[in-house]
Amino acid sequence: MKITKIETIVTNMPMLIEGSVMPKQGGRARTSMDTLLVRVETDEGVTGWGEGFGHRIFTATKAAIDSFIGQMFVGKDPSAISALVEEAQRSLGGVGRNGPAMYALSAIDIALWDIAGKVAKLPLYRLLGGSPRDRLPAYASLLRYGEPAAVRQYVERALKRGYRHLKLHEIMVSTIQAGREAAGPDIPIMVDCNCPWTVAEAIEMAHRLAPFNLKRLEEPVWPPEDHAGPTRTASPWCRTRPISAPG
């Protein structure tokens, strides 16, 4: 079996934003969920689908795949997943192992695993070793609203939809407090900060957020490449709750 074609497809799903607060990303209003799908075709008719993460930067990921990364895989055996992805990473070493290039490789990697599952006639979790669970909990991942009233509104809506785990993307005490008050004391809440603080600021915020009984404080430290930074934020709060680095 050989890869014959790699195609990129963009989907833009409108987002229903209620209330007067318009979430923003990169200084622009967040009005849609943009997804870059990647389709890998083979000469035996088996097709695999992957997804290229990137939000607003999906255009760069698409260009990377269409202009040169996709061609690295055409004509190759799709079952040699690890070897193909490693070879591509080494070829792309000059552009760095992050950003659109890695988003592109991730999308193709997912599609190759999709092909492997279809060829084996098995769900992917079986190919990856199986699972002892037959159910997984889901959490509602909310946008960053920046206003307590908006956070309360969307937390309440998520709870009405049946979610019992929440992730906030707020970076202020007042908005995180609003989320906890709306959810009540027993709903697990995670906070993904998206790397806003220095290590010292992250330590201070960890202490200030301790009363809200958060399950996780994700990406607290800038720059994202400072993988040791979250470890240095050790405090009475984070000894019992995880603080995570990006990735």
C-alpha atoms as a PDB file:
ATOM      1  CA  MET A   1       0.000   0.000   0.000  1.00  0.00           C
ATOM      2  CA  LYS A   2       1.261   3.481  -0.899  1.00  0.00           C
ATOM      3  CA  ILE A   3       0.138   7.004  -0.026  1.00  0.00           C
ATOM      4  CA  THR A   4      -1.124   8.701  -3.179  1.00  0.00           C
ATOM      5  CA  LYS A   5      -2.477  12.032  -1.977  1.00  0.00           C
ATOM      6  CA  ILE A   6      -2.704  14.289   1.085  1.00  0.00           C
ATOM      7  CA  GLU A   7      -5.484  16.865   1.066  1.00  0.00           C
ATOM      8  CA  THR A   8      -6.345  19.653   3.506  1.00  0.00           C
ATOM      9  CA  ILE A   9      -9.926  20.702   4.246  1.00  0.00           C
ATOM     10  CA  VAL A  10     -10.925  23.656   6.443  1.00  0.00           C
ATOM     11  CA  THR A  11     -14.170  23.649   8.406  1.00  0.00           C
ATOM     12  CA  ASN A  12     -15.492  26.802  10.066  1.00  0.00           C
ATOM     13  CA  MET A  13     -18.228  26.112  12.596  1.00  0.00           C
ATOM     14  CA  PRO A  14     -20.035  29.263  13.808  1.00  0.00           C
ATOM     15  CA  MET A  15     -20.046  29.713  17.575  1.00  0.00           C
ATOM     16  CA  LEU A  16     -23.166  30.850  19.382  1.00  0.00           C
ATOM     17  CA  ILE A  17     -22.056  33.627  21.739  1.00  0.00           C
ATOM     18  CA  GLU A  18     -24.723  34.685  24.207  1.00  0.00           C
ATOM     19  CA  GLY A  19     -24.643  37.947  26.120  1.00  0.00           C
ATOM     20  CA  SER A  20     -22.607  41.095  25.536  1.00  0.00           C
ATOM     21  CA  VAL A  21     -19.096  39.652  26.076  1.00  0.00           C
ATOM     22  CA  MET A  22     -17.338  38.628  22.863  1.00  0.00           C
ATOM     23  CA  PRO A  23     -14.357  36.322  23.514  1.00  0.00           C
ATOM     24  CA  LYS A  24     -11.244  37.213  21.530  1.00  0.00           C
ATOM     25  CA  GLN A  25      -8.206  35.367  20.287  1.00  0.00           C
ATOM     26  CA  GLY A  26      -5.186  37.150  18.887  1.00  0.00           C
ATOM     27  CA  GLY A  27      -7.053  40.441  19.173  1.00  0.00           C
ATOM     28  CA  ARG A  28      -9.918  39.261  16.979  1.00  0.00           C
ATOM     29  CA  ALA A  29     -13.437  38.243  17.928  1.00  0.00           C
ATOM     30  CA  ARG A  30     -13.824  34.491  18.348  1.00  0.00           C
ATOM     31  CA  THR A  31     -16.901  33.822  16.225  1.00  0.00           C
ATOM     32  CA  SER A  32     -16.153  30.330  14.925  1.00  0.00           C
ATOM     33  CA  MET A  33     -14.347  27.112  15.753  1.00  0.00           C
ATOM     34  CA  ASP A  34     -11.881  26.601  12.915  1.00  0.00           C
ATOM     35  CA  THR A  35     -10.599  23.095  12.239  1.00  0.00           C
ATOM     36  CA  LEU A  36      -8.090  21.869   9.685  1.00  0.00           C
ATOM     37  CA  LEU A  37      -8.879  18.330   8.555  1.00  0.00           C
ATOM     38  CA  VAL A  38      -6.313  16.280   6.667  1.00  0.00           C
ATOM     39  CA  ARG A  39      -7.217  13.379   4.399  1.00  0.00           C
ATOM     40  CA  VAL A  40      -4.581  10.815   3.423  1.00  0.00           C
ATOM     41  CA  GLU A  41      -5.484   8.634   0.424  1.00  0.00           C
ATOM     42  CA  THR A  42      -3.859   5.359  -0.615  1.00  0.00           C
ATOM     43  CA  ASP A  43      -3.647   3.292  -3.785  1.00  0.00           C
ATOM     44  CA  GLU A  44      -5.773   0.561  -2.177  1.00  0.00           C
ATOM     45  CA  GLY A  45      -8.723   2.844  -1.467  1.00  0.00           C
ATOM     46  CA  VAL A  46      -8.185   3.127   2.286  1.00  0.00           C
ATOM     47  CA  THR A  47      -8.464   6.727   3.480  1.00  0.00           C
ATOM     48  CA  GLY A  48      -7.344   8.184   6.796  1.00  0.00           C
ATOM     49  CA  TRP A  49      -8.445  11.399   8.477  1.00  0.00           C
ATOM     50  CA  GLY A  50      -6.472  13.617  10.843  1.00  0.00           C
ATOM     51  CA  GLU A  51      -6.848  17.009  12.478  1.00  0.00           C
ATOM     52  CA  GLY A  52      -4.320  19.864  12.438  1.00  0.00           C
ATOM     53  CA  PHE A  53      -4.572  21.883  15.630  1.00  0.00           C
ATOM     54  CA  GLY A  54      -3.965  25.578  15.374  1.00  0.00           C
ATOM     55  CA  HIS A  55      -7.085  27.706  15.842  1.00  0.00           C
ATOM     56  CA  ARG A  56      -6.406  31.000  14.038  1.00  0.00           C
ATOM     57  CA  ILE A  57      -3.084  29.745  12.666  1.00  0.00           C
ATOM     58  CA  PHE A  58      -4.687  26.894  10.730  1.00  0.00           C
ATOM     59  CA  THR A  59      -3.936  28.807   7.511  1.00  0.00           C
ATOM     60  CA  ALA A  60      -0.199  28.448   8.163  1.00  0.00           C
ATOM     61  CA  THR A  61      -0.571  24.743   8.957  1.00  0.00           C
ATOM     62  CA  LYS A  62      -2.575  24.236   5.766  1.00  0.00           C
ATOM     63  CA  ALA A  63       0.062  26.040   3.706  1.00  0.00           C
ATOM     64  CA  ALA A  64       2.823  23.943   5.255  1.00  0.00           C
ATOM     65  CA  ILE A  65       1.059  20.702   4.338  1.00  0.00           C
ATOM     66  CA  ASP A  66       0.005  21.806   0.860  1.00  0.00           C
ATOM     67  CA  SER A  67       3.352  23.326  -0.119  1.00  0.00           C
ATOM     68  CA  PHE A  68       5.898  20.775   1.096  1.00  0.00           C
ATOM     69  CA  ILE A  69       5.147  18.574   4.128  1.00  0.00           C
ATOM     70  CA  GLY A  70       2.433  16.525   2.448  1.00  0.00           C
ATOM     71  CA  GLN A  71       4.747  15.639  -0.426  1.00  0.00           C
ATOM     72  CA  MET A  72       7.208  14.071   2.028  1.00  0.00           C
ATOM     73  CA  PHE A  73       4.715  11.244   2.564  1.00  0.00           C
ATOM     74  CA  VAL A  74       3.402  10.651  -0.962  1.00  0.00           C
ATOM     75  CA  GLY A  75       4.605   7.345  -2.360  1.00  0.00           C
ATOM     76  CA  LYS A  76       5.472   5.986   1.099  1.00  0.00           C
ATOM     77  CA  ASP A  77       4.061   2.977   2.963  1.00  0.00           C
ATOM     78  CA  PRO A  78       1.408   4.332   5.388  1.00  0.00           C
ATOM     79  CA  SER A  79       1.973   1.480   7.835  1.00  0.00           C
ATOM     80  CA  ALA A  80       5.502   2.680   8.676  1.00  0.00           C
ATOM     81  CA  ILE A  81       4.104   5.386  10.929  1.00  0.00           C
ATOM     82  CA  SER A  82       6.949   5.901  13.403  1.00  0.00           C
ATOM     83  CA  ALA A  83       9.640   5.805  10.718  1.00  0.00           C
ATOM     84  CA  LEU A  84       7.794   8.230   8.436  1.00  0.00           C
ATOM     85  CA  VAL A  85       7.092  10.783  11.160  1.00  0.00           C
ATOM     86  CA  GLU A  86      10.664  10.595  12.499  1.00  0.00           C
ATOM     87  CA  GLU A  87      12.108  11.065   9.018  1.00  0.00           C
ATOM     88  CA  ALA A  88       9.861  14.077   8.451  1.00  0.00           C
ATOM     89  CA  GLN A  89      10.803  15.614  11.807  1.00  0.00           C
ATOM     90  CA  ARG A  90      14.480  15.306  11.001  1.00  0.00           C
ATOM     91  CA  SER A  91      13.939  16.860   7.580  1.00  0.00           C
ATOM     92  CA  LEU A  92      12.097  19.761   9.217  1.00  0.00           C
ATOM     93  CA  GLY A  93      14.668  20.321  11.954  1.00  0.00           C
ATOM     94  CA  GLY A  94      15.571  23.716  10.541  1.00  0.00           C
ATOM     95  CA  VAL A  95      12.073  25.111  11.152  1.00  0.00           C
ATOM     96  CA  GLY A  96      11.862  23.847  14.742  1.00  0.00           C
ATOM     97  CA  ARG A  97       9.893  21.093  16.419  1.00  0.00           C
ATOM     98  CA  ASN A  98       6.868  23.252  17.220  1.00  0.00           C
ATOM     99  CA  GLY A  99       4.262  25.485  15.635  1.00  0.00           C
ATOM    100  CA  PRO A 100       2.599  24.874  12.250  1.00  0.00           C
ATOM    101  CA  ALA A 101       5.166  22.307  11.103  1.00  0.00           C
ATOM    102  CA  MET A 102       4.462  20.080  14.093  1.00  0.00           C
ATOM    103  CA  TYR A 103       0.713  20.686  13.840  1.00  0.00           C
ATOM    104  CA  ALA A 104       0.973  19.458  10.245  1.00  0.00           C
ATOM    105  CA  LEU A 105       2.915  16.334  11.201  1.00  0.00           C
ATOM    106  CA  SER A 106       0.462  15.595  14.002  1.00  0.00           C
ATOM    107  CA  ALA A 107      -2.471  15.738  11.594  1.00  0.00           C
ATOM    108  CA  ILE A 108      -0.781  13.351   9.171  1.00  0.00           C
ATOM    109  CA  ASP A 109       0.237  11.049  12.030  1.00  0.00           C
ATOM    110  CA  ILE A 110      -3.398  10.831  13.199  1.00  0.00           C
ATOM    111  CA  ALA A 111      -4.530  10.031   9.645  1.00  0.00           C
ATOM    112  CA  LEU A 112      -1.928   7.270   9.328  1.00  0.00           C
ATOM    113  CA  TRP A 113      -3.180   5.696  12.546  1.00  0.00           C
ATOM    114  CA  ASP A 114      -6.717   5.932  11.175  1.00  0.00           C
ATOM    115  CA  ILE A 115      -5.561   3.967   8.132  1.00  0.00           C
ATOM    116  CA  ALA A 116      -3.857   1.399  10.376  1.00  0.00           C
ATOM    117  CA  GLY A 117      -7.069   0.870  12.317  1.00  0.00           C
ATOM    118  CA  LYS A 118      -9.110   0.453   9.161  1.00  0.00           C
ATOM    119  CA  VAL A 119      -6.645  -2.038   7.679  1.00  0.00           C
ATOM    120  CA  ALA A 120      -6.630  -4.054  10.918  1.00  0.00           C
ATOM    121  CA  LYS A 121     -10.423  -3.696  11.231  1.00  0.00           C
ATOM    122  CA  LEU A 122      -9.934  -2.629  14.843  1.00  0.00           C
ATOM    123  CA  PRO A 123     -10.705   0.560  16.783  1.00  0.00           C
ATOM    124  CA  LEU A 124      -7.584   2.592  17.503  1.00  0.00           C
ATOM    125  CA  TYR A 125      -7.695   2.072  21.238  1.00  0.00           C
ATOM    126  CA  ARG A 126      -7.173  -1.633  20.579  1.00  0.00           C
ATOM    127  CA  LEU A 127      -4.121  -0.963  18.412  1.00  0.00           C
ATOM    128  CA  LEU A 128      -2.714   1.251  21.156  1.00  0.00           C
ATOM    129  CA  GLY A 129      -3.019  -1.417  23.822  1.00  0.00           C
ATOM    130  CA  GLY A 130      -6.679  -1.455  24.774  1.00  0.00           C
ATOM    131  CA  SER A 131      -8.411   0.187  27.717  1.00  0.00           C
ATOM    132  CA  PRO A 132      -9.685  -1.081  31.061  1.00  0.00           C
ATOM    133  CA  ARG A 133     -12.519   1.463  30.908  1.00  0.00           C
ATOM    134  CA  ASP A 134     -15.701   1.483  28.902  1.00  0.00           C
ATOM    135  CA  ARG A 135     -16.627   5.079  29.792  1.00  0.00           C
ATOM    136  CA  LEU A 136     -14.668   8.338  30.073  1.00  0.00           C
ATOM    137  CA  PRO A 137     -15.786  11.567  31.785  1.00  0.00           C
ATOM    138  CA  ALA A 138     -16.075  14.706  29.654  1.00  0.00           C
ATOM    139  CA  TYR A 139     -15.462  18.281  30.732  1.00  0.00           C
ATOM    140  CA  ALA A 140     -16.809  21.550  29.367  1.00  0.00           C
ATOM    141  CA  SER A 141     -13.919  23.709  28.148  1.00  0.00           C
ATOM    142  CA  LEU A 142     -15.065  27.325  28.278  1.00  0.00           C
ATOM    143  CA  LEU A 143     -13.540  30.294  26.491  1.00  0.00           C
ATOM    144  CA  ARG A 144     -11.936  33.239  28.270  1.00  0.00           C
ATOM    145  CA  TYR A 145     -14.609  35.849  28.939  1.00  0.00           C
ATOM    146  CA  GLY A 146     -12.826  38.173  31.350  1.00  0.00           C
ATOM    147  CA  GLU A 147     -15.996  39.197  33.204  1.00  0.00           C
ATOM    148  CA  PRO A 148     -17.500  37.437  36.249  1.00  0.00           C
ATOM    149  CA  ALA A 149     -21.066  37.674  34.973  1.00  0.00           C
ATOM    150  CA  ALA A 150     -20.182  35.988  31.686  1.00  0.00           C
ATOM    151  CA  VAL A 151     -18.271  33.226  33.462  1.00  0.00           C
ATOM    152  CA  ARG A 152     -21.281  32.535  35.691  1.00  0.00           C
ATOM    153  CA  GLN A 153     -23.561  32.423  32.659  1.00  0.00           C
ATOM    154  CA  TYR A 154     -21.484  29.884  30.748  1.00  0.00           C
ATOM    155  CA  VAL A 155     -20.745  27.742  33.801  1.00  0.00           C
ATOM    156  CA  GLU A 156     -24.453  27.522  34.550  1.00  0.00           C
ATOM    157  CA  ARG A 157     -25.180  26.625  30.925  1.00  0.00           C
ATOM    158  CA  ALA A 158     -22.566  23.863  30.962  1.00  0.00           C
ATOM    159  CA  LEU A 159     -24.046  22.397  34.126  1.00  0.00           C
ATOM    160  CA  LYS A 160     -27.534  22.456  32.607  1.00  0.00           C
ATOM    161  CA  ARG A 161     -26.161  20.508  29.656  1.00  0.00           C
ATOM    162  CA  GLY A 162     -25.030  17.771  32.006  1.00  0.00           C
ATOM    163  CA  TYR A 163     -21.321  18.472  32.398  1.00  0.00           C
ATOM    164  CA  ARG A 164     -19.900  17.725  35.825  1.00  0.00           C
ATOM    165  CA  HIS A 165     -16.290  18.752  35.150  1.00  0.00           C
ATOM    166  CA  LEU A 166     -15.286  22.236  33.977  1.00  0.00           C
ATOM    167  CA  LYS A 167     -12.223  23.928  32.542  1.00  0.00           C
ATOM    168  CA  LEU A 168     -11.918  27.703  32.719  1.00  0.00           C
ATOM    169  CA  HIS A 169      -9.433  29.810  30.774  1.00  0.00           C
ATOM    170  CA  GLU A 170      -9.598  32.806  33.086  1.00  0.00           C
ATOM    171  CA  ILE A 171      -6.565  34.559  34.581  1.00  0.00           C
ATOM    172  CA  MET A 172      -8.183  36.816  37.180  1.00  0.00           C
ATOM    173  CA  VAL A 173      -9.168  35.903  40.709  1.00  0.00           C
ATOM    174  CA  SER A 174     -12.578  37.529  40.301  1.00  0.00           C
ATOM    175  CA  THR A 175     -13.559  35.504  37.221  1.00  0.00           C
ATOM    176  CA  ILE A 176     -12.280  32.220  38.639  1.00  0.00           C
ATOM    177  CA  GLN A 177     -14.139  32.924  41.868  1.00  0.00           C
ATOM    178  CA  ALA A 178     -17.292  33.540  39.827  1.00  0.00           C
ATOM    179  CA  GLY A 179     -16.866  30.149  38.192  1.00  0.00           C
ATOM    180  CA  ARG A 180     -16.538  28.406  41.539  1.00  0.00           C
ATOM    181  CA  GLU A 181     -19.544  30.211  42.983  1.00  0.00           C
ATOM    182  CA  ALA A 182     -21.685  29.290  39.971  1.00  0.00           C
ATOM    183  CA  ALA A 183     -20.551  25.662  39.991  1.00  0.00           C
ATOM    184  CA  GLY A 184     -20.827  25.112  43.731  1.00  0.00           C
ATOM    185  CA  PRO A 185     -18.244  23.454  45.981  1.00  0.00           C
ATOM    186  CA  ASP A 186     -18.334  19.922  44.571  1.00  0.00           C
ATOM    187  CA  ILE A 187     -17.868  20.364  40.807  1.00  0.00           C
ATOM    188  CA  PRO A 188     -14.233  19.747  39.759  1.00  0.00           C
ATOM    189  CA  ILE A 189     -12.786  22.871  38.112  1.00  0.00           C
ATOM    190  CA  MET A 190      -9.540  23.129  36.149  1.00  0.00           C
ATOM    191  CA  VAL A 191      -7.975  26.413  35.048  1.00  0.00           C
ATOM    192  CA  ASP A 192      -5.908  26.649  31.843  1.00  0.00           C
ATOM    193  CA  CYS A 193      -4.143  30.012  31.964  1.00  0.00           C
ATOM    194  CA  ASN A 194      -2.310  29.853  28.596  1.00  0.00           C
ATOM    195  CA  CYS A 195       1.064  30.992  29.966  1.00  0.00           C
ATOM    196  CA  PRO A 196       0.393  34.511  31.341  1.00  0.00           C
ATOM    197  CA  TRP A 197       2.754  34.822  34.343  1.00  0.00           C
ATOM    198  CA  THR A 198       6.328  34.787  35.483  1.00  0.00           C
ATOM    199  CA  VAL A 199       7.269  32.099  37.989  1.00  0.00           C
ATOM    200  CA  ALA A 200       6.916  34.601  40.856  1.00  0.00           C
ATOM    201  CA  GLU A 201       3.507  35.730  39.631  1.00  0.00           C
ATOM    202  CA  ALA A 202       2.392  32.109  39.221  1.00  0.00           C
ATOM    203  CA  ILE A 203       3.369  31.362  42.826  1.00  0.00           C
ATOM    204  CA  GLU A 204       1.382  34.350  44.037  1.00  0.00           C
ATOM    205  CA  MET A 205      -1.658  33.383  41.953  1.00  0.00           C
ATOM    206  CA  ALA A 206      -1.494  29.768  43.131  1.00  0.00           C
ATOM    207  CA  HIS A 207      -1.819  31.006  46.710  1.00  0.00           C
ATOM    208  CA  ARG A 208      -4.640  33.407  45.826  1.00  0.00           C
ATOM    209  CA  LEU A 209      -6.559  30.692  43.978  1.00  0.00           C
ATOM    210  CA  ALA A 210      -6.140  28.071  46.706  1.00  0.00           C
ATOM    211  CA  PRO A 211      -9.553  28.811  48.331  1.00  0.00           C
ATOM    212  CA  PHE A 212     -11.357  27.780  45.139  1.00  0.00           C
ATOM    213  CA  ASN A 213     -10.181  24.157  45.374  1.00  0.00           C
ATOM    214  CA  LEU A 214      -9.007  23.861  41.770  1.00  0.00           C
ATOM    215  CA  LYS A 215      -8.106  20.429  40.430  1.00  0.00           C
ATOM    216  CA  ARG A 216      -5.475  21.687  38.032  1.00  0.00           C
ATOM    217  CA  LEU A 217      -3.593  24.887  37.131  1.00  0.00           C
ATOM    218  CA  GLU A 218      -2.438  24.462  33.551  1.00  0.00           C
ATOM    219  CA  GLU A 219       0.207  26.442  31.655  1.00  0.00           C
ATOM    220  CA  PRO A 220       0.761  29.103  34.323  1.00  0.00           C
ATOM    221  CA  VAL A 221       4.262  30.248  33.284  1.00  0.00           C
ATOM    222  CA  TRP A 222       5.627  32.362  30.450  1.00  0.00           C
ATOM    223  CA  PRO A 223       7.502  31.518  28.260  1.00  0.00           C
ATOM    224  CA  PRO A 224       5.890  28.195  27.291  1.00  0.00           C
ATOM    225  CA  GLU A 225       9.346  26.655  26.776  1.00  0.00           C
ATOM    226  CA  ASP A 226      10.171  27.105  30.468  1.00  0.00           C
ATOM    227  CA  HIS A 227       9.276  23.527  31.356  1.00  0.00           C
ATOM    228  CA  ALA A 228      10.984  23.785  34.747  1.00  0.00           C
ATOM    229  CA  GLY A 229       8.961  26.878  35.701  1.00  0.00           C
ATOM    230  CA  PRO A 230       5.827  25.044  36.884  1.00  0.00           C
ATOM    231  CA  THR A 231       8.001  22.912  39.163  1.00  0.00           C
ATOM    232  CA  ARG A 232       9.435  26.054  40.726  1.00  0.00           C
ATOM    233  CA  THR A 233       5.931  27.246  41.586  1.00  0.00           C
ATOM    234  CA  ALA A 234       5.724  24.659  44.377  1.00  0.00           C
ATOM    235  CA  SER A 235       3.497  25.899  47.208  1.00  0.00           C
ATOM    236  CA  PRO A 236       1.159  24.451  49.809  1.00  0.00           C
ATOM    237  CA  TRP A 237      -1.575  24.602  47.169  1.00  0.00           C
ATOM    238  CA  CYS A 238       0.266  22.724  44.423  1.00  0.00           C
ATOM    239  CA  ARG A 239       1.662  19.993  46.661  1.00  0.00           C
ATOM    240  CA  THR A 240      -1.772  18.377  46.541  1.00  0.00           C
ATOM    241  CA  ARG A 241      -2.950  19.641  43.126  1.00  0.00           C
ATOM    242  CA  PRO A 242      -1.069  19.420  39.828  1.00  0.00           C
ATOM    243  CA  ILE A 243       0.426  22.402  38.032  1.00  0.00           C
ATOM    244  CA  SER A 244       1.267  21.503  34.457  1.00  0.00           C
ATOM    245  CA  ALA A 245       3.555  22.752  31.752  1.00  0.00           C
ATOM    246  CA  PRO A 246       2.394  23.189  28.142  1.00  0.00           C
ATOM    247  CA  GLY A 247       2.110  20.163  25.953  1.00  0.00           C
END
